[in-house]
Amino acid sequence: MKNTLKFICISIVLIIVALTFRNCSCERKKTVSKKQVSNNSNALTNPPIPELDIPYQNFKINPNTSVVLYSKYGTEIKIPAKAFLDENGNKIKNEVELSFREFYNPLDFYLAGIPMNYEESGIVKAFE
């Protein structure tokens, strides 16, 4: 019993030391910036563990015809013909790429870095 407890303590210390050395590496990793989808700074995400971020599903569609997209998990997205406009209000005629992510539980929200705060009457509050 005493040896088992000693073994567990030593193992924990070694794991902590290994993680410390791993995180203190002098070599900087190249960061890849995501393409900004929205110019609303409140809508941007900041994933705490980028390697586990929820990936986007990408679709290329013809904006001149109605289309129904089905996501990996069965979400149905109906897009009518001529639904996309450019910044000047003109209908887009060329192929459109649509990026989409699905979040189903609090772990998904966390991994994606979705902000969980909102402002009400000048007071910042957290979603519960």
Foldseek 3Di string as FASTA:
>chain_A
DVVVVVVVVVVVVVVVVVVVCVVPDPDDDDDDDDDDPDPPVLFAFDFPDLVQAFAKDKDKDFQQAWDWDADPVGDIDTHHHQNDADPVRHGDGDIDMDIDTDDDDPVNCRRNRNAQWDDDPNDIDGHD
